[in-house]
Every structure is written in structure tokens, then in C-alpha cells.
Amino acid sequence: MGVVPPPLGVLIANRPALGWWPVYPSGSFLETMKIMDRKYPSRKCSWARWPVRVLVLGAVMTHLAGCGDSGEPAQTASSRAKEGRVPEQQFFDYRLIESEAGVRQWILQSEMMLKYSGERDVNLFTLNMDFFKEGAHFSVLTADSGKANLTSKNIHAWGNVVVVTDDGRVLETEELFFDNETQLIHNDVFNRFTQDGDVLTGIGLEATPDLEYIEIKQEVEAEVEDGANGESGSR
């Protein structure tokens, strides 16, 4: 299949001592390296001798290479730039704590946090959010992913979102927003709420994180278990 040279608009960086070298637009990658060998004979800048790093600049040239035509559309410059974003901050085992008058309100933990320049939200991966009332724990929210606004402290969680209270109530959904000012959780998607064997489902929700107050907005269905004989019925 051969070695595919990088497209135009990239810089090739050898070891730190060698600095940054531009790829000459007038020739191929190999021709460029020959030019650099002639220009800097003492540096031995052959691309095959040292590992290289490629820094993609804004200008992107479509370059198809491989063992066959994949039939896939070429990536746009904007999509390449988005994929190539580098976070300005990255933390593992990230923790965000909200308190009022020295009393814990909630603690958010995430396996990894990414912060990009110019964005107020931080990106969270595998998050766990514990809620407290007067310092006592009462529920926990878990999700695959999320975002947290560091100014408003509002949270957006999505992917296998589950809220479980200490007394056994369970809310299952795919997306949930937490408003730090109102201390309410809400969404506009499907929800399943379970308490003591009773199941409530529907679209759209507003609730407190302890699930003592919960309102399903649309297409509400309930399955209530009869405690006397163990039977259940829908309504």
C-alpha cells in the first residue's frame, strides 16, 4: 500500500532540537525532505530516521489513500477542526461541590472533565451527583455524560440517567437538566418513575431531586400494584 505523505497545510515536527519545518507546496513529501537534507545536512532530517508529529493547520486538502475506494464522503474543514480541538484543561476524578452557608447542597464527581477555551460549560464523562438536605444525603444521580456550567452551576446529564433516593424511589430517563437556582430537575423526554412497586411513565418532567415532588407532563400512564393480593393494573 505504501507510505502516504501528509497533505499540504501541515507542519512536520521532528525532535524538539530540530524545530518546526514547513512542507514545501511545490513538491511531494519526499522531495521536501530532500530539500531539507540539502539545506540542513547536519540535522539529518530524513522523515524515515525520526518519528514525527503532525500539526494540522486550518487549510485542509482532500487526500484519499488506501487499498480501495471506501465510498465515504470527504470530511469538511470545519469537521476536521472540531475533531482536532484540544482542551485547555483536563482533569481526572473531577469534583464540583456546591454549598450554602457552609452546608453541602450537592457534590458532582466525574471520571474525566474537559474544558475548552471560550466555553463556560465543562464536559463530563461518567458522572455521579449526590444531593443533600441540611447536610444529610438523600439521593444520587448517575449518567454516562454531561455538562456543567461553572457560572450558574446548572447541570445537563444524558445517557442512561438514573436518580435513586435513599428510600428507594427511582427515576429512569435519557436526559435530565438540573437548575441550581430553583433546585429542580426537568426534561422533555420519556421518563419512568418507580416507587413501592408502582410505575409512572410519560413525556416531560419536573421534580425535586429527592423525588418527593414529581410531575409528568404528557402521555401519562400508571401501573399500580395492589398490596393486598400482589396484582397490578394500568390506568
C-alpha atoms as a PDB file:
ATOM      1  CA  MET A   1       0.000   0.000   0.000  1.00  0.00           C
ATOM      2  CA  GLY A   2       2.993   2.264   0.531  1.00  0.00           C
ATOM      3  CA  VAL A   3       3.627   5.295   2.681  1.00  0.00           C
ATOM      4  CA  VAL A   4       1.147   8.134   2.214  1.00  0.00           C
ATOM      5  CA  PRO A   5       2.651  11.607   2.506  1.00  0.00           C
ATOM      6  CA  PRO A   6       0.744  14.167   4.603  1.00  0.00           C
ATOM      7  CA  PRO A   7      -1.426  16.720   2.764  1.00  0.00           C
ATOM      8  CA  LEU A   8      -0.459  20.327   2.232  1.00  0.00           C
ATOM      9  CA  GLY A   9      -1.090  22.680   5.113  1.00  0.00           C
ATOM     10  CA  VAL A  10       0.675  20.661   7.767  1.00  0.00           C
ATOM     11  CA  LEU A  11       3.868  21.150   9.673  1.00  0.00           C
ATOM     12  CA  ILE A  12       6.263  18.344  10.375  1.00  0.00           C
ATOM     13  CA  ALA A  13       7.937  18.492  13.770  1.00  0.00           C
ATOM     14  CA  ASN A  14      10.937  16.282  14.460  1.00  0.00           C
ATOM     15  CA  ARG A  15      12.709  16.131  17.788  1.00  0.00           C
ATOM     16  CA  PRO A  16      12.482  19.401  19.805  1.00  0.00           C
ATOM     17  CA  ALA A  17      16.018  20.332  18.834  1.00  0.00           C
ATOM     18  CA  LEU A  18      15.120  20.285  15.153  1.00  0.00           C
ATOM     19  CA  GLY A  19      12.258  22.770  15.427  1.00  0.00           C
ATOM     20  CA  TRP A  20       9.302  23.196  13.007  1.00  0.00           C
ATOM     21  CA  TRP A  21       9.781  22.751   9.254  1.00  0.00           C
ATOM     22  CA  PRO A  22       7.220  23.703   6.613  1.00  0.00           C
ATOM     23  CA  VAL A  23       6.149  21.252   3.906  1.00  0.00           C
ATOM     24  CA  TYR A  24       7.025  22.847   0.585  1.00  0.00           C
ATOM     25  CA  PRO A  25       3.919  23.136  -1.601  1.00  0.00           C
ATOM     26  CA  SER A  26       5.958  22.752  -4.778  1.00  0.00           C
ATOM     27  CA  GLY A  27       6.756  19.087  -4.315  1.00  0.00           C
ATOM     28  CA  SER A  28       5.940  15.843  -2.601  1.00  0.00           C
ATOM     29  CA  PHE A  29       6.755  14.961   0.988  1.00  0.00           C
ATOM     30  CA  LEU A  30       9.884  13.030  -0.040  1.00  0.00           C
ATOM     31  CA  GLU A  31      11.051  15.918  -2.232  1.00  0.00           C
ATOM     32  CA  THR A  32      10.508  18.259   0.710  1.00  0.00           C
ATOM     33  CA  MET A  33      12.674  16.140   2.963  1.00  0.00           C
ATOM     34  CA  LYS A  34      15.391  16.007   0.283  1.00  0.00           C
ATOM     35  CA  ILE A  35      15.332  19.805   0.174  1.00  0.00           C
ATOM     36  CA  MET A  36      15.637  19.919   3.952  1.00  0.00           C
ATOM     37  CA  ASP A  37      18.525  17.418   3.842  1.00  0.00           C
ATOM     38  CA  ARG A  38      20.368  19.706   1.417  1.00  0.00           C
ATOM     39  CA  LYS A  39      19.502  22.837   3.401  1.00  0.00           C
ATOM     40  CA  TYR A  40      20.365  21.357   6.807  1.00  0.00           C
ATOM     41  CA  PRO A  41      22.812  18.470   6.108  1.00  0.00           C
ATOM     42  CA  SER A  42      23.974  18.308   9.733  1.00  0.00           C
ATOM     43  CA  ARG A  43      20.474  17.776  11.076  1.00  0.00           C
ATOM     44  CA  LYS A  44      19.743  14.522   9.223  1.00  0.00           C
ATOM     45  CA  CYS A  45      16.109  15.458   8.796  1.00  0.00           C
ATOM     46  CA  SER A  46      15.046  12.338   6.903  1.00  0.00           C
ATOM     47  CA  TRP A  47      11.444  11.529   7.817  1.00  0.00           C
ATOM     48  CA  ALA A  48      12.268   7.830   7.998  1.00  0.00           C
ATOM     49  CA  ARG A  49      15.012   8.351  10.610  1.00  0.00           C
ATOM     50  CA  TRP A  50      12.999  10.057  13.342  1.00  0.00           C
ATOM     51  CA  PRO A  51       9.351   9.760  14.456  1.00  0.00           C
ATOM     52  CA  VAL A  52       7.336  12.792  13.500  1.00  0.00           C
ATOM     53  CA  ARG A  53       4.327  14.634  14.849  1.00  0.00           C
ATOM     54  CA  VAL A  54       1.849  16.271  12.564  1.00  0.00           C
ATOM     55  CA  LEU A  55       0.150  19.506  13.493  1.00  0.00           C
ATOM     56  CA  VAL A  56      -2.865  20.124  11.298  1.00  0.00           C
ATOM     57  CA  LEU A  57      -3.398  23.769  10.427  1.00  0.00           C
ATOM     58  CA  GLY A  58      -6.623  25.271   9.117  1.00  0.00           C
ATOM     59  CA  ALA A  59      -6.048  24.631   5.401  1.00  0.00           C
ATOM     60  CA  VAL A  60      -7.073  21.069   4.562  1.00  0.00           C
ATOM     61  CA  MET A  61      -6.615  19.327   1.241  1.00  0.00           C
ATOM     62  CA  THR A  62      -8.696  16.247   0.482  1.00  0.00           C
ATOM     63  CA  HIS A  63      -6.322  13.305   0.254  1.00  0.00           C
ATOM     64  CA  LEU A  64      -7.692   9.844  -0.378  1.00  0.00           C
ATOM     65  CA  ALA A  65      -5.408   6.878   0.204  1.00  0.00           C
ATOM     66  CA  GLY A  66      -5.845   3.189   0.928  1.00  0.00           C
ATOM     67  CA  CYS A  67      -6.420  -0.194  -0.618  1.00  0.00           C
ATOM     68  CA  GLY A  68      -9.702   0.705  -2.291  1.00  0.00           C
ATOM     69  CA  ASP A  69     -12.444   3.293  -2.681  1.00  0.00           C
ATOM     70  CA  SER A  70     -14.364   3.447   0.590  1.00  0.00           C
ATOM     71  CA  GLY A  71     -17.163   5.487  -0.942  1.00  0.00           C
ATOM     72  CA  GLU A  72     -17.283   7.721   2.148  1.00  0.00           C
ATOM     73  CA  PRO A  73     -17.634  11.485   1.652  1.00  0.00           C
ATOM     74  CA  ALA A  74     -14.583  13.584   2.390  1.00  0.00           C
ATOM     75  CA  GLN A  75     -14.534  15.399   5.715  1.00  0.00           C
ATOM     76  CA  THR A  76     -15.105  19.124   5.691  1.00  0.00           C
ATOM     77  CA  ALA A  77     -12.581  21.568   7.072  1.00  0.00           C
ATOM     78  CA  SER A  78     -14.971  22.515   9.900  1.00  0.00           C
ATOM     79  CA  SER A  79     -15.479  18.907  10.987  1.00  0.00           C
ATOM     80  CA  ARG A  80     -11.727  18.293  10.933  1.00  0.00           C
ATOM     81  CA  ALA A  81     -11.145  21.424  13.007  1.00  0.00           C
ATOM     82  CA  LYS A  82     -13.778  20.335  15.543  1.00  0.00           C
ATOM     83  CA  GLU A  83     -12.286  16.854  15.837  1.00  0.00           C
ATOM     84  CA  GLY A  84      -8.849  18.373  16.292  1.00  0.00           C
ATOM     85  CA  ARG A  85      -9.828  20.616  19.204  1.00  0.00           C
ATOM     86  CA  VAL A  86      -7.501  20.420  22.158  1.00  0.00           C
ATOM     87  CA  PRO A  87      -8.923  21.147  25.633  1.00  0.00           C
ATOM     88  CA  GLU A  88      -7.199  23.832  27.658  1.00  0.00           C
ATOM     89  CA  GLN A  89      -7.901  21.864  30.860  1.00  0.00           C
ATOM     90  CA  GLN A  90      -8.277  18.156  31.532  1.00  0.00           C
ATOM     91  CA  PHE A  91      -8.840  16.574  34.931  1.00  0.00           C
ATOM     92  CA  PHE A  92      -9.444  13.014  36.079  1.00  0.00           C
ATOM     93  CA  ASP A  93     -11.599  12.237  39.126  1.00  0.00           C
ATOM     94  CA  TYR A  94     -13.040  15.739  38.846  1.00  0.00           C
ATOM     95  CA  ARG A  95     -15.221  17.051  41.687  1.00  0.00           C
ATOM     96  CA  LEU A  96     -17.534  20.071  41.899  1.00  0.00           C
ATOM     97  CA  ILE A  97     -19.116  20.963  45.254  1.00  0.00           C
ATOM     98  CA  GLU A  98     -21.983  23.370  45.893  1.00  0.00           C
ATOM     99  CA  SER A  99     -22.543  24.659  49.441  1.00  0.00           C
ATOM    100  CA  GLU A 100     -24.749  27.254  51.073  1.00  0.00           C
ATOM    101  CA  ALA A 101     -23.721  28.832  54.372  1.00  0.00           C
ATOM    102  CA  GLY A 102     -21.129  26.108  54.719  1.00  0.00           C
ATOM    103  CA  VAL A 103     -23.684  23.297  54.303  1.00  0.00           C
ATOM    104  CA  ARG A 104     -23.316  20.906  51.363  1.00  0.00           C
ATOM    105  CA  GLN A 105     -26.082  21.075  48.757  1.00  0.00           C
ATOM    106  CA  TRP A 106     -24.648  18.660  46.215  1.00  0.00           C
ATOM    107  CA  ILE A 107     -21.398  17.059  45.094  1.00  0.00           C
ATOM    108  CA  LEU A 108     -20.742  16.218  41.448  1.00  0.00           C
ATOM    109  CA  GLN A 109     -17.994  13.756  40.542  1.00  0.00           C
ATOM    110  CA  SER A 110     -16.812  12.751  37.092  1.00  0.00           C
ATOM    111  CA  GLU A 111     -14.200  10.292  35.853  1.00  0.00           C
ATOM    112  CA  MET A 112     -12.911  12.942  33.438  1.00  0.00           C
ATOM    113  CA  MET A 113     -13.529  16.653  32.813  1.00  0.00           C
ATOM    114  CA  LEU A 114     -12.581  18.595  29.693  1.00  0.00           C
ATOM    115  CA  LYS A 115     -12.645  22.408  29.450  1.00  0.00           C
ATOM    116  CA  TYR A 116     -12.356  24.114  26.059  1.00  0.00           C
ATOM    117  CA  SER A 117     -11.293  27.701  25.522  1.00  0.00           C
ATOM    118  CA  GLY A 118     -14.166  30.157  25.163  1.00  0.00           C
ATOM    119  CA  GLU A 119     -16.786  27.810  26.650  1.00  0.00           C
ATOM    120  CA  ARG A 120     -18.423  28.247  30.052  1.00  0.00           C
ATOM    121  CA  ASP A 121     -19.515  24.615  30.227  1.00  0.00           C
ATOM    122  CA  VAL A 122     -17.164  21.783  31.110  1.00  0.00           C
ATOM    123  CA  ASN A 123     -17.635  18.352  29.538  1.00  0.00           C
ATOM    124  CA  LEU A 124     -18.112  15.446  31.941  1.00  0.00           C
ATOM    125  CA  PHE A 125     -17.726  11.714  31.422  1.00  0.00           C
ATOM    126  CA  THR A 126     -19.327   9.076  33.686  1.00  0.00           C
ATOM    127  CA  LEU A 127     -20.789  11.418  36.261  1.00  0.00           C
ATOM    128  CA  ASN A 128     -22.191  10.866  39.745  1.00  0.00           C
ATOM    129  CA  MET A 129     -24.109  13.632  41.559  1.00  0.00           C
ATOM    130  CA  ASP A 130     -25.046  13.316  45.244  1.00  0.00           C
ATOM    131  CA  PHE A 131     -27.766  15.563  46.710  1.00  0.00           C
ATOM    132  CA  PHE A 132     -28.007  16.655  50.338  1.00  0.00           C
ATOM    133  CA  LYS A 133     -30.655  18.260  52.524  1.00  0.00           C
ATOM    134  CA  GLU A 134     -29.420  20.056  55.634  1.00  0.00           C
ATOM    135  CA  GLY A 135     -26.149  18.182  55.178  1.00  0.00           C
ATOM    136  CA  ALA A 136     -27.783  14.734  55.016  1.00  0.00           C
ATOM    137  CA  HIS A 137     -27.594  12.654  51.829  1.00  0.00           C
ATOM    138  CA  PHE A 138     -30.952  11.867  50.192  1.00  0.00           C
ATOM    139  CA  SER A 139     -30.414  10.915  46.520  1.00  0.00           C
ATOM    140  CA  VAL A 140     -27.872  10.270  43.791  1.00  0.00           C
ATOM    141  CA  LEU A 141     -27.939  10.921  40.034  1.00  0.00           C
ATOM    142  CA  THR A 142     -25.774   8.890  37.634  1.00  0.00           C
ATOM    143  CA  ALA A 143     -25.281   9.346  33.874  1.00  0.00           C
ATOM    144  CA  ASP A 144     -22.897   8.438  31.061  1.00  0.00           C
ATOM    145  CA  SER A 145     -22.114  12.036  30.104  1.00  0.00           C
ATOM    146  CA  GLY A 146     -22.915  15.605  30.963  1.00  0.00           C
ATOM    147  CA  LYS A 147     -22.012  19.273  31.090  1.00  0.00           C
ATOM    148  CA  ALA A 148     -21.708  21.690  33.992  1.00  0.00           C
ATOM    149  CA  ASN A 149     -21.874  25.460  33.750  1.00  0.00           C
ATOM    150  CA  LEU A 150     -19.260  26.777  36.158  1.00  0.00           C
ATOM    151  CA  THR A 151     -21.018  30.135  36.460  1.00  0.00           C
ATOM    152  CA  SER A 152     -24.649  29.146  37.035  1.00  0.00           C
ATOM    153  CA  LYS A 153     -23.820  25.652  38.374  1.00  0.00           C
ATOM    154  CA  ASN A 154     -26.578  24.242  36.165  1.00  0.00           C
ATOM    155  CA  ILE A 155     -26.063  20.622  35.119  1.00  0.00           C
ATOM    156  CA  HIS A 156     -27.066  18.796  31.923  1.00  0.00           C
ATOM    157  CA  ALA A 157     -26.811  14.986  32.075  1.00  0.00           C
ATOM    158  CA  TRP A 158     -27.578  12.447  29.369  1.00  0.00           C
ATOM    159  CA  GLY A 159     -27.195   8.759  28.593  1.00  0.00           C
ATOM    160  CA  ASN A 160     -28.672   6.161  30.986  1.00  0.00           C
ATOM    161  CA  VAL A 161     -29.686   8.803  33.516  1.00  0.00           C
ATOM    162  CA  VAL A 162     -30.902   7.339  36.813  1.00  0.00           C
ATOM    163  CA  VAL A 163     -31.910   9.102  40.047  1.00  0.00           C
ATOM    164  CA  VAL A 164     -32.183   6.888  43.133  1.00  0.00           C
ATOM    165  CA  THR A 165     -33.322   8.186  46.529  1.00  0.00           C
ATOM    166  CA  ASP A 166     -32.183   6.735  49.820  1.00  0.00           C
ATOM    167  CA  ASP A 167     -35.728   5.454  50.483  1.00  0.00           C
ATOM    168  CA  GLY A 168     -35.880   3.514  47.197  1.00  0.00           C
ATOM    169  CA  ARG A 169     -37.622   5.744  44.667  1.00  0.00           C
ATOM    170  CA  VAL A 170     -36.148   5.501  41.155  1.00  0.00           C
ATOM    171  CA  LEU A 171     -36.338   7.786  38.113  1.00  0.00           C
ATOM    172  CA  GLU A 172     -35.000   6.480  34.776  1.00  0.00           C
ATOM    173  CA  THR A 173     -34.611   8.636  31.661  1.00  0.00           C
ATOM    174  CA  GLU A 174     -32.147   9.544  28.905  1.00  0.00           C
ATOM    175  CA  GLU A 175     -31.687  13.249  29.609  1.00  0.00           C
ATOM    176  CA  LEU A 176     -32.045  15.463  32.649  1.00  0.00           C
ATOM    177  CA  PHE A 177     -31.376  19.108  33.497  1.00  0.00           C
ATOM    178  CA  PHE A 178     -30.710  20.399  36.999  1.00  0.00           C
ATOM    179  CA  ASP A 179     -31.429  24.074  37.675  1.00  0.00           C
ATOM    180  CA  ASN A 180     -29.245  25.177  40.568  1.00  0.00           C
ATOM    181  CA  GLU A 181     -31.343  28.290  41.271  1.00  0.00           C
ATOM    182  CA  THR A 182     -34.710  26.526  41.557  1.00  0.00           C
ATOM    183  CA  GLN A 183     -33.195  23.236  42.770  1.00  0.00           C
ATOM    184  CA  LEU A 184     -35.436  21.356  40.315  1.00  0.00           C
ATOM    185  CA  ILE A 185     -34.714  18.666  37.729  1.00  0.00           C
ATOM    186  CA  HIS A 186     -36.597  18.663  34.412  1.00  0.00           C
ATOM    187  CA  ASN A 187     -36.641  17.332  30.845  1.00  0.00           C
ATOM    188  CA  ASP A 188     -38.843  16.900  27.759  1.00  0.00           C
ATOM    189  CA  VAL A 189     -38.202  13.210  27.074  1.00  0.00           C
ATOM    190  CA  PHE A 190     -39.594   9.850  28.238  1.00  0.00           C
ATOM    191  CA  ASN A 191     -39.447   9.078  31.968  1.00  0.00           C
ATOM    192  CA  ARG A 192     -40.080   6.028  34.123  1.00  0.00           C
ATOM    193  CA  PHE A 193     -40.682   6.580  37.836  1.00  0.00           C
ATOM    194  CA  THR A 194     -40.913   3.659  40.271  1.00  0.00           C
ATOM    195  CA  GLN A 195     -41.999   3.723  43.923  1.00  0.00           C
ATOM    196  CA  ASP A 196     -43.002   0.740  46.070  1.00  0.00           C
ATOM    197  CA  GLY A 197     -43.823  -1.336  43.001  1.00  0.00           C
ATOM    198  CA  ASP A 198     -45.931   1.375  41.354  1.00  0.00           C
ATOM    199  CA  VAL A 199     -44.713   2.633  37.974  1.00  0.00           C
ATOM    200  CA  LEU A 200     -45.449   6.012  36.408  1.00  0.00           C
ATOM    201  CA  THR A 201     -44.348   6.801  32.840  1.00  0.00           C
ATOM    202  CA  GLY A 202     -44.728   9.747  30.485  1.00  0.00           C
ATOM    203  CA  ILE A 203     -43.099  12.511  28.472  1.00  0.00           C
ATOM    204  CA  GLY A 204     -41.645  15.609  30.125  1.00  0.00           C
ATOM    205  CA  LEU A 205     -40.900  16.006  33.804  1.00  0.00           C
ATOM    206  CA  GLU A 206     -40.379  18.460  36.622  1.00  0.00           C
ATOM    207  CA  ALA A 207     -39.317  17.202  40.041  1.00  0.00           C
ATOM    208  CA  THR A 208     -37.219  17.789  43.111  1.00  0.00           C
ATOM    209  CA  PRO A 209     -34.022  15.707  43.340  1.00  0.00           C
ATOM    210  CA  ASP A 210     -35.468  13.806  46.338  1.00  0.00           C
ATOM    211  CA  LEU A 211     -38.428  12.805  44.069  1.00  0.00           C
ATOM    212  CA  GLU A 212     -40.930  13.807  46.761  1.00  0.00           C
ATOM    213  CA  TYR A 213     -42.467  16.171  44.221  1.00  0.00           C
ATOM    214  CA  ILE A 214     -42.718  14.825  40.663  1.00  0.00           C
ATOM    215  CA  GLU A 215     -44.893  15.935  37.754  1.00  0.00           C
ATOM    216  CA  ILE A 216     -45.100  14.056  34.456  1.00  0.00           C
ATOM    217  CA  LYS A 217     -46.278  16.399  31.685  1.00  0.00           C
ATOM    218  CA  GLN A 218     -47.690  14.294  28.809  1.00  0.00           C
ATOM    219  CA  GLU A 219     -48.829  10.783  27.845  1.00  0.00           C
ATOM    220  CA  VAL A 220     -49.001   9.782  31.498  1.00  0.00           C
ATOM    221  CA  GLU A 221     -49.563   6.115  32.284  1.00  0.00           C
ATOM    222  CA  ALA A 222     -49.574   4.448  35.688  1.00  0.00           C
ATOM    223  CA  GLU A 223     -49.228   0.841  36.751  1.00  0.00           C
ATOM    224  CA  VAL A 224     -50.310   0.453  40.355  1.00  0.00           C
ATOM    225  CA  GLU A 225     -49.635  -2.665  42.379  1.00  0.00           C
ATOM    226  CA  ASP A 226     -52.393  -3.895  44.683  1.00  0.00           C
ATOM    227  CA  GLY A 227     -50.773  -4.526  48.023  1.00  0.00           C
ATOM    228  CA  ALA A 228     -53.493  -6.925  49.181  1.00  0.00           C
ATOM    229  CA  ASN A 229     -53.121  -9.630  46.517  1.00  0.00           C
ATOM    230  CA  GLY A 230     -49.985  -8.591  44.668  1.00  0.00           C
ATOM    231  CA  GLU A 231     -51.883  -7.882  41.456  1.00  0.00           C
ATOM    232  CA  SER A 232     -51.224  -4.812  39.373  1.00  0.00           C
ATOM    233  CA  GLY A 233     -53.306  -2.788  36.964  1.00  0.00           C
ATOM    234  CA  SER A 234     -52.799   0.023  34.478  1.00  0.00           C
ATOM    235  CA  ARG A 235     -54.707   3.258  34.223  1.00  0.00           C
END
